[in-house]
Amino acid sequence: MLKQSGLDIPPNRGYISTTTSYDDALALAQQEKPANGQIWIYVINTKLAHDLGVEFKSVDKTFDTAHYPYKTYSENEWTVNAKIPSKAITYYRTIKSNNKMSHGVFDNFGRSGR
């Protein structure tokens, strides 16, 4: 992964999300047609990302889990133009053009795996 200012750039254009819902991810895939056969949805720990210097401009909703708070950001904030620290990415999902979804995890070294 490329690094700038200590922040990792995700490997593909994708969307930042805190949702783990299949329906939410599928709705996003149907709305945003996969450009190269698939889109990526990065599920991030937004508190950790914020603590590591990522700035978010708009918040749709905030809710707490047993371990840490999550925030869901409006769709225009999801496009991955910002650099996201790999340690703040808990895992990702890919949605292919046939609406099949797979997922993987990010370790703290920025490598992805299945």
PDB file of N, CA and C in Angstrom:
ATOM      1  N   MET A   1       0.834  -1.184   0.000  1.00  0.00           N
ATOM      2  CA  MET A   1       0.000   0.000   0.000  1.00  0.00           C
ATOM      3  C   MET A   1       0.879   1.248   0.000  1.00  0.00           C
ATOM      4  N   LEU A   2       0.403   2.261  -0.659  1.00  0.00           N
ATOM      5  CA  LEU A   2       1.126   3.520  -0.678  1.00  0.00           C
ATOM      6  C   LEU A   2       0.947   4.229   0.653  1.00  0.00           C
ATOM      7  N   LYS A   3       1.949   4.979   1.026  1.00  0.00           N
ATOM      8  CA  LYS A   3       1.836   5.717   2.281  1.00  0.00           C
ATOM      9  C   LYS A   3       2.217   7.173   2.049  1.00  0.00           C
ATOM     10  N   GLN A   4       1.439   8.052   2.627  1.00  0.00           N
ATOM     11  CA  GLN A   4       1.745   9.471   2.629  1.00  0.00           C
ATOM     12  C   GLN A   4       1.432   9.995   4.019  1.00  0.00           C
ATOM     13  N   SER A   5       2.355  10.733   4.583  1.00  0.00           N
ATOM     14  CA  SER A   5       2.167  11.311   5.917  1.00  0.00           C
ATOM     15  C   SER A   5       1.783  10.263   6.950  1.00  0.00           C
ATOM     16  N   GLY A   6       2.280   9.043   6.775  1.00  0.00           N
ATOM     17  CA  GLY A   6       1.996   7.991   7.735  1.00  0.00           C
ATOM     18  C   GLY A   6       0.615   7.387   7.606  1.00  0.00           C
ATOM     19  N   LEU A   7      -0.166   7.822   6.620  1.00  0.00           N
ATOM     20  CA  LEU A   7      -1.509   7.285   6.436  1.00  0.00           C
ATOM     21  C   LEU A   7      -1.535   6.406   5.194  1.00  0.00           C
ATOM     22  N   ASP A   8      -2.224   5.285   5.287  1.00  0.00           N
ATOM     23  CA  ASP A   8      -2.313   4.370   4.164  1.00  0.00           C
ATOM     24  C   ASP A   8      -3.441   4.783   3.225  1.00  0.00           C
ATOM     25  N   ILE A   9      -3.204   4.597   1.944  1.00  0.00           N
ATOM     26  CA  ILE A   9      -4.232   4.843   0.943  1.00  0.00           C
ATOM     27  C   ILE A   9      -4.858   3.499   0.597  1.00  0.00           C
ATOM     28  N   PRO A  10      -6.161   3.345   0.723  1.00  0.00           N
ATOM     29  CA  PRO A  10      -6.769   2.062   0.366  1.00  0.00           C
ATOM     30  C   PRO A  10      -6.457   1.685  -1.080  1.00  0.00           C
ATOM     31  N   PRO A  11      -6.400   0.378  -1.386  1.00  0.00           N
ATOM     32  CA  PRO A  11      -5.924  -0.072  -2.691  1.00  0.00           C
ATOM     33  C   PRO A  11      -6.862   0.231  -3.846  1.00  0.00           C
ATOM     34  N   ASN A  12      -8.128   0.416  -3.605  1.00  0.00           N
ATOM     35  CA  ASN A  12      -9.088   0.686  -4.669  1.00  0.00           C
ATOM     36  C   ASN A  12     -10.035   1.785  -4.249  1.00  0.00           C
ATOM     37  N   ARG A  13     -10.650   2.404  -5.239  1.00  0.00           N
ATOM     38  CA  ARG A  13     -11.726   3.343  -4.943  1.00  0.00           C
ATOM     39  C   ARG A  13     -12.815   2.561  -4.229  1.00  0.00           C
ATOM     40  N   GLY A  14     -13.333   3.135  -3.185  1.00  0.00           N
ATOM     41  CA  GLY A  14     -14.342   2.416  -2.429  1.00  0.00           C
ATOM     42  C   GLY A  14     -15.180   3.370  -1.622  1.00  0.00           C
ATOM     43  N   TYR A  15     -15.827   2.843  -0.632  1.00  0.00           N
ATOM     44  CA  TYR A  15     -16.698   3.625   0.224  1.00  0.00           C
ATOM     45  C   TYR A  15     -16.376   3.316   1.665  1.00  0.00           C
ATOM     46  N   ILE A  16     -16.318   4.363   2.472  1.00  0.00           N
ATOM     47  CA  ILE A  16     -16.089   4.184   3.894  1.00  0.00           C
ATOM     48  C   ILE A  16     -17.450   3.990   4.552  1.00  0.00           C
ATOM     49  N   SER A  17     -17.567   2.989   5.370  1.00  0.00           N
ATOM     50  CA  SER A  17     -18.837   2.720   6.020  1.00  0.00           C
ATOM     51  C   SER A  17     -18.584   2.146   7.398  1.00  0.00           C
ATOM     52  N   THR A  18     -19.563   2.261   8.262  1.00  0.00           N
ATOM     53  CA  THR A  18     -19.481   1.554   9.532  1.00  0.00           C
ATOM     54  C   THR A  18     -20.545   0.476   9.607  1.00  0.00           C
ATOM     55  N   THR A  19     -21.241   0.239   8.504  1.00  0.00           N
ATOM     56  CA  THR A  19     -22.310  -0.744   8.527  1.00  0.00           C
ATOM     57  C   THR A  19     -21.772  -2.150   8.301  1.00  0.00           C
ATOM     58  N   THR A  20     -22.396  -3.105   8.924  1.00  0.00           N
ATOM     59  CA  THR A  20     -22.092  -4.503   8.632  1.00  0.00           C
ATOM     60  C   THR A  20     -23.312  -5.161   7.989  1.00  0.00           C
ATOM     61  N   SER A  21     -24.298  -4.366   7.665  1.00  0.00           N
ATOM     62  CA  SER A  21     -25.546  -4.898   7.135  1.00  0.00           C
ATOM     63  C   SER A  21     -25.404  -5.266   5.665  1.00  0.00           C
ATOM     64  N   TYR A  22     -25.775  -6.486   5.322  1.00  0.00           N
ATOM     65  CA  TYR A  22     -25.734  -6.917   3.928  1.00  0.00           C
ATOM     66  C   TYR A  22     -26.684  -6.074   3.090  1.00  0.00           C
ATOM     67  N   ASP A  23     -27.882  -5.799   3.617  1.00  0.00           N
ATOM     68  CA  ASP A  23     -28.872  -5.036   2.856  1.00  0.00           C
ATOM     69  C   ASP A  23     -28.372  -3.636   2.540  1.00  0.00           C
ATOM     70  N   ASP A  24     -27.731  -2.992   3.511  1.00  0.00           N
ATOM     71  CA  ASP A  24     -27.188  -1.656   3.273  1.00  0.00           C
ATOM     72  C   ASP A  24     -26.102  -1.693   2.212  1.00  0.00           C
ATOM     73  N   ALA A  25     -25.235  -2.687   2.305  1.00  0.00           N
ATOM     74  CA  ALA A  25     -24.146  -2.799   1.342  1.00  0.00           C
ATOM     75  C   ALA A  25     -24.681  -3.107  -0.049  1.00  0.00           C
ATOM     76  N   LEU A  26     -25.677  -3.974  -0.129  1.00  0.00           N
ATOM     77  CA  LEU A  26     -26.258  -4.330  -1.417  1.00  0.00           C
ATOM     78  C   LEU A  26     -26.958  -3.130  -2.046  1.00  0.00           C
ATOM     79  N   ALA A  27     -27.665  -2.346  -1.227  1.00  0.00           N
ATOM     80  CA  ALA A  27     -28.326  -1.147  -1.742  1.00  0.00           C
ATOM     81  C   ALA A  27     -27.302  -0.172  -2.304  1.00  0.00           C
ATOM     82  N   LEU A  28     -26.175  -0.038  -1.637  1.00  0.00           N
ATOM     83  CA  LEU A  28     -25.113   0.836  -2.124  1.00  0.00           C
ATOM     84  C   LEU A  28     -24.557   0.314  -3.439  1.00  0.00           C
ATOM     85  N   ALA A  29     -24.393  -0.996  -3.545  1.00  0.00           N
ATOM     86  CA  ALA A  29     -23.865  -1.588  -4.771  1.00  0.00           C
ATOM     87  C   ALA A  29     -24.812  -1.381  -5.942  1.00  0.00           C
ATOM     88  N   GLN A  30     -26.103  -1.458  -5.685  1.00  0.00           N
ATOM     89  CA  GLN A  30     -27.074  -1.278  -6.759  1.00  0.00           C
ATOM     90  C   GLN A  30     -27.166   0.175  -7.189  1.00  0.00           C
ATOM     91  N   GLN A  31     -26.939   1.074  -6.253  1.00  0.00           N
ATOM     92  CA  GLN A  31     -26.979   2.499  -6.573  1.00  0.00           C
ATOM     93  C   GLN A  31     -25.712   2.925  -7.303  1.00  0.00           C
ATOM     94  N   GLU A  32     -24.578   2.473  -6.820  1.00  0.00           N
ATOM     95  CA  GLU A  32     -23.287   2.822  -7.410  1.00  0.00           C
ATOM     96  C   GLU A  32     -22.795   1.617  -8.190  1.00  0.00           C
ATOM     97  N   LYS A  33     -22.984   1.637  -9.489  1.00  0.00           N
ATOM     98  CA  LYS A  33     -22.596   0.490 -10.305  1.00  0.00           C
ATOM     99  C   LYS A  33     -21.085   0.273 -10.200  1.00  0.00           C
ATOM    100  N   PRO A  34     -20.661  -0.957  -9.962  1.00  0.00           N
ATOM    101  CA  PRO A  34     -19.225  -1.229  -9.857  1.00  0.00           C
ATOM    102  C   PRO A  34     -18.485  -0.809 -11.125  1.00  0.00           C
ATOM    103  N   ALA A  35     -17.445  -0.003 -10.963  1.00  0.00           N
ATOM    104  CA  ALA A  35     -16.722   0.539 -12.110  1.00  0.00           C
ATOM    105  C   ALA A  35     -15.837  -0.508 -12.773  1.00  0.00           C
ATOM    106  N   ASN A  36     -15.110  -1.267 -11.991  1.00  0.00           N
ATOM    107  CA  ASN A  36     -14.186  -2.245 -12.560  1.00  0.00           C
ATOM    108  C   ASN A  36     -14.613  -3.657 -12.173  1.00  0.00           C
ATOM    109  N   GLY A  37     -15.922  -3.873 -12.124  1.00  0.00           N
ATOM    110  CA  GLY A  37     -16.415  -5.197 -11.784  1.00  0.00           C
ATOM    111  C   GLY A  37     -16.754  -5.367 -10.323  1.00  0.00           C
ATOM    112  N   GLN A  38     -16.308  -4.448  -9.481  1.00  0.00           N
ATOM    113  CA  GLN A  38     -16.643  -4.547  -8.066  1.00  0.00           C
ATOM    114  C   GLN A  38     -16.420  -3.209  -7.380  1.00  0.00           C
ATOM    115  N   ILE A  39     -17.099  -3.016  -6.268  1.00  0.00           N
ATOM    116  CA  ILE A  39     -16.799  -1.863  -5.425  1.00  0.00           C
ATOM    117  C   ILE A  39     -16.349  -2.384  -4.071  1.00  0.00           C
ATOM    118  N   TRP A  40     -15.630  -1.562  -3.382  1.00  0.00           N
ATOM    119  CA  TRP A  40     -15.117  -1.911  -2.060  1.00  0.00           C
ATOM    120  C   TRP A  40     -15.838  -1.067  -1.028  1.00  0.00           C
ATOM    121  N   ILE A  41     -16.225  -1.686   0.069  1.00  0.00           N
ATOM    122  CA  ILE A  41     -16.770  -0.955   1.208  1.00  0.00           C
ATOM    123  C   ILE A  41     -15.835  -1.208   2.382  1.00  0.00           C
ATOM    124  N   TYR A  42     -15.202  -0.149   2.859  1.00  0.00           N
ATOM    125  CA  TYR A  42     -14.264  -0.266   3.967  1.00  0.00           C
ATOM    126  C   TYR A  42     -15.004  -0.002   5.268  1.00  0.00           C
ATOM    127  N   VAL A  43     -15.000  -0.963   6.150  1.00  0.00           N
ATOM    128  CA  VAL A  43     -15.635  -0.781   7.452  1.00  0.00           C
ATOM    129  C   VAL A  43     -14.549  -0.305   8.409  1.00  0.00           C
ATOM    130  N   ILE A  44     -14.739   0.882   8.953  1.00  0.00           N
ATOM    131  CA  ILE A  44     -13.675   1.481   9.750  1.00  0.00           C
ATOM    132  C   ILE A  44     -14.142   1.745  11.174  1.00  0.00           C
ATOM    133  N   ASN A  45     -13.172   1.767  12.063  1.00  0.00           N
ATOM    134  CA  ASN A  45     -13.375   2.217  13.437  1.00  0.00           C
ATOM    135  C   ASN A  45     -13.196   3.734  13.394  1.00  0.00           C
ATOM    136  N   THR A  46     -14.305   4.452  13.354  1.00  0.00           N
ATOM    137  CA  THR A  46     -14.210   5.888  13.136  1.00  0.00           C
ATOM    138  C   THR A  46     -13.577   6.629  14.304  1.00  0.00           C
ATOM    139  N   LYS A  47     -13.741   6.122  15.508  1.00  0.00           N
ATOM    140  CA  LYS A  47     -13.097   6.769  16.651  1.00  0.00           C
ATOM    141  C   LYS A  47     -11.585   6.673  16.517  1.00  0.00           C
ATOM    142  N   LEU A  48     -11.091   5.484  16.165  1.00  0.00           N
ATOM    143  CA  LEU A  48      -9.654   5.309  15.986  1.00  0.00           C
ATOM    144  C   LEU A  48      -9.157   6.143  14.809  1.00  0.00           C
ATOM    145  N   ALA A  49      -9.914   6.150  13.713  1.00  0.00           N
ATOM    146  CA  ALA A  49      -9.513   6.955  12.554  1.00  0.00           C
ATOM    147  C   ALA A  49      -9.423   8.428  12.934  1.00  0.00           C
ATOM    148  N   HIS A  50     -10.399   8.910  13.688  1.00  0.00           N
ATOM    149  CA  HIS A  50     -10.380  10.304  14.132  1.00  0.00           C
ATOM    150  C   HIS A  50      -9.184  10.560  15.033  1.00  0.00           C
ATOM    151  N   ASP A  51      -8.915   9.634  15.954  1.00  0.00           N
ATOM    152  CA  ASP A  51      -7.768   9.782  16.852  1.00  0.00           C
ATOM    153  C   ASP A  51      -6.450   9.790  16.087  1.00  0.00           C
ATOM    154  N   LEU A  52      -6.429   9.136  14.909  1.00  0.00           N
ATOM    155  CA  LEU A  52      -5.223   9.078  14.087  1.00  0.00           C
ATOM    156  C   LEU A  52      -5.146  10.232  13.091  1.00  0.00           C
ATOM    157  N   GLY A  53      -6.104  11.163  13.171  1.00  0.00           N
ATOM    158  CA  GLY A  53      -5.992  12.379  12.378  1.00  0.00           C
ATOM    159  C   GLY A  53      -6.906  12.488  11.174  1.00  0.00           C
ATOM    160  N   VAL A  54      -7.825  11.536  10.977  1.00  0.00           N
ATOM    161  CA  VAL A  54      -8.754  11.634   9.856  1.00  0.00           C
ATOM    162  C   VAL A  54      -9.888  12.571  10.244  1.00  0.00           C
ATOM    163  N   GLU A  55     -10.185  13.542   9.382  1.00  0.00           N
ATOM    164  CA  GLU A  55     -11.252  14.489   9.669  1.00  0.00           C
ATOM    165  C   GLU A  55     -12.486  14.129   8.852  1.00  0.00           C
ATOM    166  N   PHE A  56     -13.630  14.123   9.504  1.00  0.00           N
ATOM    167  CA  PHE A  56     -14.897  13.867   8.840  1.00  0.00           C
ATOM    168  C   PHE A  56     -15.746  15.126   8.929  1.00  0.00           C
ATOM    169  N   LYS A  57     -16.461  15.442   7.860  1.00  0.00           N
ATOM    170  CA  LYS A  57     -17.181  16.705   7.811  1.00  0.00           C
ATOM    171  C   LYS A  57     -18.648  16.599   8.188  1.00  0.00           C
ATOM    172  N   SER A  58     -19.274  15.475   7.901  1.00  0.00           N
ATOM    173  CA  SER A  58     -20.707  15.385   8.185  1.00  0.00           C
ATOM    174  C   SER A  58     -21.045  14.027   8.768  1.00  0.00           C
ATOM    175  N   VAL A  59     -21.996  14.027   9.668  1.00  0.00           N
ATOM    176  CA  VAL A  59     -22.377  12.808  10.367  1.00  0.00           C
ATOM    177  C   VAL A  59     -23.868  12.582  10.165  1.00  0.00           C
ATOM    178  N   ASP A  60     -24.227  11.384   9.698  1.00  0.00           N
ATOM    179  CA  ASP A  60     -25.644  11.042   9.571  1.00  0.00           C
ATOM    180  C   ASP A  60     -26.218  10.599  10.903  1.00  0.00           C
ATOM    181  N   LYS A  61     -25.531   9.685  11.566  1.00  0.00           N
ATOM    182  CA  LYS A  61     -26.020   9.196  12.853  1.00  0.00           C
ATOM    183  C   LYS A  61     -24.852   8.676  13.666  1.00  0.00           C
ATOM    184  N   THR A  62     -25.021   8.683  14.956  1.00  0.00           N
ATOM    185  CA  THR A  62     -24.007   8.201  15.879  1.00  0.00           C
ATOM    186  C   THR A  62     -24.655   7.176  16.789  1.00  0.00           C
ATOM    187  N   PHE A  63     -23.966   6.074  17.007  1.00  0.00           N
ATOM    188  CA  PHE A  63     -24.494   5.094  17.948  1.00  0.00           C
ATOM    189  C   PHE A  63     -23.342   4.382  18.626  1.00  0.00           C
ATOM    190  N   ASP A  64     -23.602   3.872  19.819  1.00  0.00           N
ATOM    191  CA  ASP A  64     -22.566   3.240  20.622  1.00  0.00           C
ATOM    192  C   ASP A  64     -22.701   1.726  20.563  1.00  0.00           C
ATOM    193  N   THR A  65     -21.562   1.066  20.590  1.00  0.00           N
ATOM    194  CA  THR A  65     -21.545  -0.381  20.744  1.00  0.00           C
ATOM    195  C   THR A  65     -20.969  -0.675  22.124  1.00  0.00           C
ATOM    196  N   ALA A  66     -20.815  -1.918  22.429  1.00  0.00           N
ATOM    197  CA  ALA A  66     -20.278  -2.281  23.742  1.00  0.00           C
ATOM    198  C   ALA A  66     -18.824  -1.858  23.888  1.00  0.00           C
ATOM    199  N   HIS A  67     -18.116  -1.710  22.769  1.00  0.00           N
ATOM    200  CA  HIS A  67     -16.675  -1.477  22.844  1.00  0.00           C
ATOM    201  C   HIS A  67     -16.261  -0.054  22.482  1.00  0.00           C
ATOM    202  N   TYR A  68     -16.880   0.522  21.470  1.00  0.00           N
ATOM    203  CA  TYR A  68     -16.518   1.883  21.092  1.00  0.00           C
ATOM    204  C   TYR A  68     -17.630   2.476  20.230  1.00  0.00           C
ATOM    205  N   PRO A  69     -17.688   3.801  20.168  1.00  0.00           N
ATOM    206  CA  PRO A  69     -18.748   4.440  19.386  1.00  0.00           C
ATOM    207  C   PRO A  69     -18.479   4.335  17.887  1.00  0.00           C
ATOM    208  N   TYR A  70     -19.543   4.217  17.130  1.00  0.00           N
ATOM    209  CA  TYR A  70     -19.451   4.242  15.674  1.00  0.00           C
ATOM    210  C   TYR A  70     -20.213   5.446  15.165  1.00  0.00           C
ATOM    211  N   LYS A  71     -19.772   5.971  14.051  1.00  0.00           N
ATOM    212  CA  LYS A  71     -20.507   7.042  13.395  1.00  0.00           C
ATOM    213  C   LYS A  71     -20.682   6.645  11.937  1.00  0.00           C
ATOM    214  N   THR A  72     -21.846   6.938  11.395  1.00  0.00           N
ATOM    215  CA  THR A  72     -22.089   6.685   9.983  1.00  0.00           C
ATOM    216  C   THR A  72     -22.073   8.030   9.277  1.00  0.00           C
ATOM    217  N   TYR A  73     -21.250   8.155   8.268  1.00  0.00           N
ATOM    218  CA  TYR A  73     -21.070   9.425   7.582  1.00  0.00           C
ATOM    219  C   TYR A  73     -21.883   9.452   6.304  1.00  0.00           C
ATOM    220  N   SER A  74     -22.271  10.641   5.902  1.00  0.00           N
ATOM    221  CA  SER A  74     -23.100  10.763   4.714  1.00  0.00           C
ATOM    222  C   SER A  74     -22.346  10.256   3.492  1.00  0.00           C
ATOM    223  N   GLU A  75     -23.110   9.866   2.491  1.00  0.00           N
ATOM    224  CA  GLU A  75     -22.552   9.138   1.357  1.00  0.00           C
ATOM    225  C   GLU A  75     -21.416   9.883   0.669  1.00  0.00           C
ATOM    226  N   ASN A  76     -21.528  11.217   0.567  1.00  0.00           N
ATOM    227  CA  ASN A  76     -20.467  11.941  -0.119  1.00  0.00           C
ATOM    228  C   ASN A  76     -19.163  11.928   0.667  1.00  0.00           C
ATOM    229  N   GLU A  77     -19.216  11.563   1.934  1.00  0.00           N
ATOM    230  CA  GLU A  77     -17.996  11.416   2.715  1.00  0.00           C
ATOM    231  C   GLU A  77     -17.406  10.018   2.570  1.00  0.00           C
ATOM    232  N   TRP A  78     -18.183   9.094   1.994  1.00  0.00           N
ATOM    233  CA  TRP A  78     -17.718   7.714   1.948  1.00  0.00           C
ATOM    234  C   TRP A  78     -16.698   7.479   0.849  1.00  0.00           C
ATOM    235  N   THR A  79     -16.762   8.279  -0.229  1.00  0.00           N
ATOM    236  CA  THR A  79     -15.836   8.043  -1.332  1.00  0.00           C
ATOM    237  C   THR A  79     -14.412   8.160  -0.825  1.00  0.00           C
ATOM    238  N   VAL A  80     -13.623   7.155  -1.113  1.00  0.00           N
ATOM    239  CA  VAL A  80     -12.281   7.111  -0.545  1.00  0.00           C
ATOM    240  C   VAL A  80     -11.346   7.973  -1.380  1.00  0.00           C
ATOM    241  N   ASN A  81     -11.366   9.266  -1.103  1.00  0.00           N
ATOM    242  CA  ASN A  81     -10.357  10.170  -1.616  1.00  0.00           C
ATOM    243  C   ASN A  81      -9.399  10.509  -0.487  1.00  0.00           C
ATOM    244  N   ALA A  82      -9.897  10.391   0.725  1.00  0.00           N
ATOM    245  CA  ALA A  82      -9.066  10.643   1.895  1.00  0.00           C
ATOM    246  C   ALA A  82      -8.165   9.447   2.147  1.00  0.00           C
ATOM    247  N   LYS A  83      -7.087   9.690   2.854  1.00  0.00           N
ATOM    248  CA  LYS A  83      -6.184   8.612   3.251  1.00  0.00           C
ATOM    249  C   LYS A  83      -6.668   8.074   4.589  1.00  0.00           C
ATOM    250  N   ILE A  84      -6.863   6.779   4.663  1.00  0.00           N
ATOM    251  CA  ILE A  84      -7.365   6.149   5.881  1.00  0.00           C
ATOM    252  C   ILE A  84      -6.266   5.275   6.464  1.00  0.00           C
ATOM    253  N   PRO A  85      -5.931   5.424   7.740  1.00  0.00           N
ATOM    254  CA  PRO A  85      -4.920   4.551   8.344  1.00  0.00           C
ATOM    255  C   PRO A  85      -5.393   3.100   8.304  1.00  0.00           C
ATOM    256  N   SER A  86      -4.517   2.203   7.882  1.00  0.00           N
ATOM    257  CA  SER A  86      -4.928   0.804   7.750  1.00  0.00           C
ATOM    258  C   SER A  86      -5.368   0.225   9.082  1.00  0.00           C
ATOM    259  N   LYS A  87      -4.769   0.669  10.186  1.00  0.00           N
ATOM    260  CA  LYS A  87      -5.159   0.101  11.482  1.00  0.00           C
ATOM    261  C   LYS A  87      -6.573   0.525  11.879  1.00  0.00           C
ATOM    262  N   ALA A  88      -7.127   1.547  11.221  1.00  0.00           N
ATOM    263  CA  ALA A  88      -8.496   1.961  11.506  1.00  0.00           C
ATOM    264  C   ALA A  88      -9.516   1.189  10.666  1.00  0.00           C
ATOM    265  N   ILE A  89      -9.040   0.425   9.682  1.00  0.00           N
ATOM    266  CA  ILE A  89      -9.943  -0.376   8.850  1.00  0.00           C
ATOM    267  C   ILE A  89     -10.080  -1.739   9.501  1.00  0.00           C
ATOM    268  N   THR A  90     -11.275  -2.055   9.962  1.00  0.00           N
ATOM    269  CA  THR A  90     -11.460  -3.335  10.644  1.00  0.00           C
ATOM    270  C   THR A  90     -11.615  -4.468   9.647  1.00  0.00           C
ATOM    271  N   TYR A  91     -12.322  -4.244   8.578  1.00  0.00           N
ATOM    272  CA  TYR A  91     -12.370  -5.185   7.460  1.00  0.00           C
ATOM    273  C   TYR A  91     -13.031  -4.491   6.293  1.00  0.00           C
ATOM    274  N   TYR A  92     -13.115  -5.170   5.185  1.00  0.00           N
ATOM    275  CA  TYR A  92     -13.750  -4.586   4.021  1.00  0.00           C
ATOM    276  C   TYR A  92     -14.648  -5.626   3.372  1.00  0.00           C
ATOM    277  N   ARG A  93     -15.563  -5.149   2.559  1.00  0.00           N
ATOM    278  CA  ARG A  93     -16.392  -6.023   1.737  1.00  0.00           C
ATOM    279  C   ARG A  93     -16.220  -5.592   0.293  1.00  0.00           C
ATOM    280  N   THR A  94     -16.245  -6.543  -0.601  1.00  0.00           N
ATOM    281  CA  THR A  94     -16.279  -6.208  -2.020  1.00  0.00           C
ATOM    282  C   THR A  94     -17.590  -6.722  -2.581  1.00  0.00           C
ATOM    283  N   ILE A  95     -18.185  -5.927  -3.439  1.00  0.00           N
ATOM    284  CA  ILE A  95     -19.427  -6.327  -4.088  1.00  0.00           C
ATOM    285  C   ILE A  95     -19.174  -6.329  -5.584  1.00  0.00           C
ATOM    286  N   LYS A  96     -19.361  -7.474  -6.202  1.00  0.00           N
ATOM    287  CA  LYS A  96     -19.106  -7.625  -7.629  1.00  0.00           C
ATOM    288  C   LYS A  96     -20.334  -7.208  -8.424  1.00  0.00           C
ATOM    289  N   SER A  97     -20.160  -7.090  -9.730  1.00  0.00           N
ATOM    290  CA  SER A  97     -21.250  -6.603 -10.570  1.00  0.00           C
ATOM    291  C   SER A  97     -22.456  -7.533 -10.564  1.00  0.00           C
ATOM    292  N   ASN A  98     -22.269  -8.804 -10.191  1.00  0.00           N
ATOM    293  CA  ASN A  98     -23.404  -9.727 -10.105  1.00  0.00           C
ATOM    294  C   ASN A  98     -24.047  -9.699  -8.714  1.00  0.00           C
ATOM    295  N   ASN A  99     -23.686  -8.686  -7.917  1.00  0.00           N
ATOM    296  CA  ASN A  99     -24.217  -8.472  -6.565  1.00  0.00           C
ATOM    297  C   ASN A  99     -23.778  -9.529  -5.559  1.00  0.00           C
ATOM    298  N   LYS A 100     -22.776 -10.322  -5.899  1.00  0.00           N
ATOM    299  CA  LYS A 100     -22.202 -11.250  -4.927  1.00  0.00           C
ATOM    300  C   LYS A 100     -21.252 -10.460  -4.039  1.00  0.00           C
ATOM    301  N   MET A 101     -21.282 -10.750  -2.755  1.00  0.00           N
ATOM    302  CA  MET A 101     -20.447 -10.003  -1.827  1.00  0.00           C
ATOM    303  C   MET A 101     -19.437 -10.921  -1.166  1.00  0.00           C
ATOM    304  N   SER A 102     -18.224 -10.443  -1.061  1.00  0.00           N
ATOM    305  CA  SER A 102     -17.200 -11.153  -0.303  1.00  0.00           C
ATOM    306  C   SER A 102     -16.626 -10.159   0.692  1.00  0.00           C
ATOM    307  N   HIS A 103     -15.793 -10.645   1.579  1.00  0.00           N
ATOM    308  CA  HIS A 103     -15.182  -9.728   2.534  1.00  0.00           C
ATOM    309  C   HIS A 103     -13.820 -10.261   2.947  1.00  0.00           C
ATOM    310  N   GLY A 104     -13.052  -9.397   3.528  1.00  0.00           N
ATOM    311  CA  GLY A 104     -11.740  -9.757   4.027  1.00  0.00           C
ATOM    312  C   GLY A 104     -11.429  -8.901   5.233  1.00  0.00           C
ATOM    313  N   VAL A 105     -10.279  -9.129   5.807  1.00  0.00           N
ATOM    314  CA  VAL A 105      -9.884  -8.357   6.978  1.00  0.00           C
ATOM    315  C   VAL A 105      -8.619  -7.585   6.668  1.00  0.00           C
ATOM    316  N   PHE A 106      -8.428  -6.501   7.376  1.00  0.00           N
ATOM    317  CA  PHE A 106      -7.186  -5.739   7.305  1.00  0.00           C
ATOM    318  C   PHE A 106      -6.429  -5.993   8.592  1.00  0.00           C
ATOM    319  N   ASP A 107      -5.173  -6.390   8.466  1.00  0.00           N
ATOM    320  CA  ASP A 107      -4.371  -6.461   9.680  1.00  0.00           C
ATOM    321  C   ASP A 107      -3.718  -5.098   9.898  1.00  0.00           C
ATOM    322  N   ASN A 108      -3.015  -4.948  10.982  1.00  0.00           N
ATOM    323  CA  ASN A 108      -2.457  -3.641  11.310  1.00  0.00           C
ATOM    324  C   ASN A 108      -1.216  -3.287  10.510  1.00  0.00           C
ATOM    325  N   PHE A 109      -0.836  -4.159   9.589  1.00  0.00           N
ATOM    326  CA  PHE A 109       0.293  -3.848   8.723  1.00  0.00           C
ATOM    327  C   PHE A 109      -0.180  -3.404   7.353  1.00  0.00           C
ATOM    328  N   GLY A 110      -1.488  -3.294   7.171  1.00  0.00           N
ATOM    329  CA  GLY A 110      -2.006  -2.774   5.920  1.00  0.00           C
ATOM    330  C   GLY A 110      -2.206  -3.813   4.842  1.00  0.00           C
ATOM    331  N   ARG A 111      -1.964  -5.084   5.153  1.00  0.00           N
ATOM    332  CA  ARG A 111      -2.189  -6.120   4.148  1.00  0.00           C
ATOM    333  C   ARG A 111      -3.624  -6.593   4.258  1.00  0.00           C
ATOM    334  N   SER A 112      -4.175  -7.001   3.149  1.00  0.00           N
ATOM    335  CA  SER A 112      -5.532  -7.533   3.195  1.00  0.00           C
ATOM    336  C   SER A 112      -5.483  -9.041   3.052  1.00  0.00           C
ATOM    337  N   GLY A 113      -6.474  -9.698   3.603  1.00  0.00           N
ATOM    338  CA  GLY A 113      -6.538 -11.151   3.523  1.00  0.00           C
ATOM    339  C   GLY A 113      -7.962 -11.608   3.512  1.00  0.00           C
ATOM    340  N   ARG A 114      -8.159 -12.871   3.278  1.00  0.00           N
ATOM    341  CA  ARG A 114      -9.522 -13.411   3.249  1.00  0.00           C
ATOM    342  C   ARG A 114      -9.738 -14.312   4.435  1.00  0.00           C
TER     343      ARG A 114
END
